[in-house]
Amino acid sequence: MKRYCLALDLKDDPTLIAEYEAYHQQVWPEIIQSIKESGIESMSIWRTGNRLFMIMEADDDFSFERKAAMDSANPKVQEWEKLMWQYQQALPHARPGEKWKAMKQIFDCLNAHA
């Protein structure tokens, strides 16, 4: 199993943030299904201020390229992504069109040298 951590910002507006959170309390079943079908075994999103942090655990065959191809062929996922983009904004250092930005692990206490 592989673990991925990603970040993205929300538009810094309390009303929009509340709406975004409400959508994530009742994610469309088609979205959950597409997540599972891509090889993602667990996914959670955390928030502080307008910064989002996603933790994903996926099987060893998972790839972001394959997930992107599956998503582009799924009209319901495209509808969800378009809806969510009304609330989201790219991180300042993201490339054009890049939404969720993969994070680099810089510390692991289990593998740290004392």
C-alpha atoms as a PDB file:
ATOM      1  CA  MET A   1       0.000   0.000   0.000  1.00  0.00           C
ATOM      2  CA  LYS A   2       1.155   3.519  -0.833  1.00  0.00           C
ATOM      3  CA  ARG A   3       0.312   6.713   1.041  1.00  0.00           C
ATOM      4  CA  TYR A   4      -0.029  10.067  -0.689  1.00  0.00           C
ATOM      5  CA  CYS A   5      -0.523  13.491   0.862  1.00  0.00           C
ATOM      6  CA  LEU A   6      -1.816  16.379  -1.217  1.00  0.00           C
ATOM      7  CA  ALA A   7      -2.709  20.014  -0.602  1.00  0.00           C
ATOM      8  CA  LEU A   8      -5.077  22.526  -2.172  1.00  0.00           C
ATOM      9  CA  ASP A   9      -6.574  25.833  -1.102  1.00  0.00           C
ATOM     10  CA  LEU A  10     -10.186  26.907  -0.885  1.00  0.00           C
ATOM     11  CA  LYS A  11     -11.288  30.409  -1.752  1.00  0.00           C
ATOM     12  CA  ASP A  12     -10.942  32.339   1.492  1.00  0.00           C
ATOM     13  CA  ASP A  13     -14.646  32.980   2.016  1.00  0.00           C
ATOM     14  CA  PRO A  14     -16.445  31.524   5.061  1.00  0.00           C
ATOM     15  CA  THR A  15     -19.695  30.962   3.145  1.00  0.00           C
ATOM     16  CA  LEU A  16     -17.945  29.101   0.310  1.00  0.00           C
ATOM     17  CA  ILE A  17     -15.916  27.047   2.793  1.00  0.00           C
ATOM     18  CA  ALA A  18     -19.109  26.048   4.627  1.00  0.00           C
ATOM     19  CA  GLU A  19     -20.747  25.030   1.342  1.00  0.00           C
ATOM     20  CA  TYR A  20     -17.684  22.991   0.347  1.00  0.00           C
ATOM     21  CA  GLU A  21     -17.728  21.174   3.686  1.00  0.00           C
ATOM     22  CA  ALA A  22     -21.461  20.496   3.340  1.00  0.00           C
ATOM     23  CA  TYR A  23     -20.875  18.834  -0.050  1.00  0.00           C
ATOM     24  CA  HIS A  24     -18.237  16.634   1.578  1.00  0.00           C
ATOM     25  CA  GLN A  25     -20.709  15.421   4.195  1.00  0.00           C
ATOM     26  CA  GLN A  26     -22.799  13.933   1.361  1.00  0.00           C
ATOM     27  CA  VAL A  27     -20.383  13.098  -1.466  1.00  0.00           C
ATOM     28  CA  TRP A  28     -22.190  11.720  -4.489  1.00  0.00           C
ATOM     29  CA  PRO A  29     -22.142   7.890  -4.597  1.00  0.00           C
ATOM     30  CA  GLU A  30     -20.673   7.951  -8.114  1.00  0.00           C
ATOM     31  CA  ILE A  31     -17.662   9.860  -6.770  1.00  0.00           C
ATOM     32  CA  ILE A  32     -17.089   7.356  -3.972  1.00  0.00           C
ATOM     33  CA  GLN A  33     -17.358   4.537  -6.503  1.00  0.00           C
ATOM     34  CA  SER A  34     -14.833   6.162  -8.848  1.00  0.00           C
ATOM     35  CA  ILE A  35     -12.388   6.638  -5.961  1.00  0.00           C
ATOM     36  CA  LYS A  36     -12.613   2.982  -4.989  1.00  0.00           C
ATOM     37  CA  GLU A  37     -12.405   1.740  -8.603  1.00  0.00           C
ATOM     38  CA  SER A  38      -9.154   3.641  -9.116  1.00  0.00           C
ATOM     39  CA  GLY A  39      -7.392   1.640  -6.390  1.00  0.00           C
ATOM     40  CA  ILE A  40      -7.724   4.190  -3.588  1.00  0.00           C
ATOM     41  CA  GLU A  41      -8.463   2.276  -0.397  1.00  0.00           C
ATOM     42  CA  SER A  42      -8.926   5.250   1.922  1.00  0.00           C
ATOM     43  CA  MET A  43      -9.097   9.005   1.519  1.00  0.00           C
ATOM     44  CA  SER A  44      -9.627  11.765   4.033  1.00  0.00           C
ATOM     45  CA  ILE A  45      -9.536  15.542   3.706  1.00  0.00           C
ATOM     46  CA  TRP A  46      -8.555  17.866   6.540  1.00  0.00           C
ATOM     47  CA  ARG A  47      -8.842  21.662   6.687  1.00  0.00           C
ATOM     48  CA  THR A  48      -7.159  24.515   8.494  1.00  0.00           C
ATOM     49  CA  GLY A  49      -8.281  27.985   7.478  1.00  0.00           C
ATOM     50  CA  ASN A  50      -8.667  27.730   3.719  1.00  0.00           C
ATOM     51  CA  ARG A  51      -5.897  25.109   3.266  1.00  0.00           C
ATOM     52  CA  LEU A  52      -6.949  21.528   2.515  1.00  0.00           C
ATOM     53  CA  PHE A  53      -4.800  18.461   3.212  1.00  0.00           C
ATOM     54  CA  MET A  54      -5.693  15.087   1.699  1.00  0.00           C
ATOM     55  CA  ILE A  55      -4.369  11.727   2.896  1.00  0.00           C
ATOM     56  CA  MET A  56      -4.820   8.859   0.454  1.00  0.00           C
ATOM     57  CA  GLU A  57      -3.869   5.232   0.809  1.00  0.00           C
ATOM     58  CA  ALA A  58      -3.909   3.257  -2.416  1.00  0.00           C
ATOM     59  CA  ASP A  59      -3.006  -0.205  -3.640  1.00  0.00           C
ATOM     60  CA  ASP A  60       0.409  -0.775  -5.199  1.00  0.00           C
ATOM     61  CA  ASP A  61      -1.045  -0.583  -8.738  1.00  0.00           C
ATOM     62  CA  PHE A  62      -2.493   2.911  -8.252  1.00  0.00           C
ATOM     63  CA  SER A  63      -1.281   5.711 -10.529  1.00  0.00           C
ATOM     64  CA  PHE A  64      -2.375   9.321 -10.812  1.00  0.00           C
ATOM     65  CA  GLU A  65      -2.224   9.038 -14.609  1.00  0.00           C
ATOM     66  CA  ARG A  66      -4.663   6.130 -14.660  1.00  0.00           C
ATOM     67  CA  LYS A  67      -6.955   7.922 -12.173  1.00  0.00           C
ATOM     68  CA  ALA A  68      -6.914  11.044 -14.372  1.00  0.00           C
ATOM     69  CA  ALA A  69      -7.815   8.976 -17.447  1.00  0.00           C
ATOM     70  CA  MET A  70     -10.674   7.287 -15.577  1.00  0.00           C
ATOM     71  CA  ASP A  71     -11.932  10.653 -14.302  1.00  0.00           C
ATOM     72  CA  SER A  72     -11.830  12.299 -17.729  1.00  0.00           C
ATOM     73  CA  ALA A  73     -14.005   9.479 -19.109  1.00  0.00           C
ATOM     74  CA  ASN A  74     -16.569   9.770 -16.298  1.00  0.00           C
ATOM     75  CA  PRO A  75     -19.160  12.553 -16.834  1.00  0.00           C
ATOM     76  CA  LYS A  76     -20.296  12.477 -13.186  1.00  0.00           C
ATOM     77  CA  VAL A  77     -16.720  12.960 -11.937  1.00  0.00           C
ATOM     78  CA  GLN A  78     -16.305  15.831 -14.400  1.00  0.00           C
ATOM     79  CA  GLU A  79     -19.525  17.403 -13.088  1.00  0.00           C
ATOM     80  CA  TRP A  80     -18.280  17.044  -9.475  1.00  0.00           C
ATOM     81  CA  GLU A  81     -14.860  18.510 -10.325  1.00  0.00           C
ATOM     82  CA  LYS A  82     -16.433  21.489 -12.082  1.00  0.00           C
ATOM     83  CA  LEU A  83     -18.706  22.078  -9.078  1.00  0.00           C
ATOM     84  CA  MET A  84     -15.834  21.792  -6.567  1.00  0.00           C
ATOM     85  CA  TRP A  85     -13.621  24.155  -8.563  1.00  0.00           C
ATOM     86  CA  GLN A  86     -16.104  26.930  -7.692  1.00  0.00           C
ATOM     87  CA  TYR A  87     -14.801  26.617  -4.122  1.00  0.00           C
ATOM     88  CA  GLN A  88     -11.160  25.710  -4.744  1.00  0.00           C
ATOM     89  CA  GLN A  89      -8.121  27.664  -5.859  1.00  0.00           C
ATOM     90  CA  ALA A  90      -4.690  26.424  -6.830  1.00  0.00           C
ATOM     91  CA  LEU A  91      -1.771  26.716  -4.445  1.00  0.00           C
ATOM     92  CA  PRO A  92       0.463  29.709  -5.226  1.00  0.00           C
ATOM     93  CA  HIS A  93       3.280  27.454  -6.533  1.00  0.00           C
ATOM     94  CA  ALA A  94       1.043  25.127  -8.599  1.00  0.00           C
ATOM     95  CA  ARG A  95       1.493  24.810 -12.342  1.00  0.00           C
ATOM     96  CA  PRO A  96      -1.348  26.074 -14.573  1.00  0.00           C
ATOM     97  CA  GLY A  97      -4.290  23.658 -14.381  1.00  0.00           C
ATOM     98  CA  GLU A  98      -2.851  21.804 -11.362  1.00  0.00           C
ATOM     99  CA  LYS A  99      -5.303  21.376  -8.515  1.00  0.00           C
ATOM    100  CA  TRP A 100      -4.324  18.987  -5.733  1.00  0.00           C
ATOM    101  CA  LYS A 101      -0.536  19.286  -5.299  1.00  0.00           C
ATOM    102  CA  ALA A 102       1.416  16.263  -4.086  1.00  0.00           C
ATOM    103  CA  MET A 103       3.426  16.905  -0.944  1.00  0.00           C
ATOM    104  CA  LYS A 104       6.955  15.693  -0.200  1.00  0.00           C
ATOM    105  CA  GLN A 105       7.475  13.798   3.054  1.00  0.00           C
ATOM    106  CA  ILE A 106      10.300  15.379   5.019  1.00  0.00           C
ATOM    107  CA  PHE A 107      10.071  13.525   8.352  1.00  0.00           C
ATOM    108  CA  ASP A 108       9.032  10.105   9.618  1.00  0.00           C
ATOM    109  CA  CYS A 109       9.590   9.490  13.340  1.00  0.00           C
ATOM    110  CA  LEU A 110       9.709   5.707  12.814  1.00  0.00           C
ATOM    111  CA  ASN A 111      12.703   6.098  10.517  1.00  0.00           C
ATOM    112  CA  ALA A 112      14.345   9.042  12.247  1.00  0.00           C
ATOM    113  CA  HIS A 113      17.870   8.779  13.589  1.00  0.00           C
ATOM    114  CA  ALA A 114      18.268   9.905  17.171  1.00  0.00           C
END
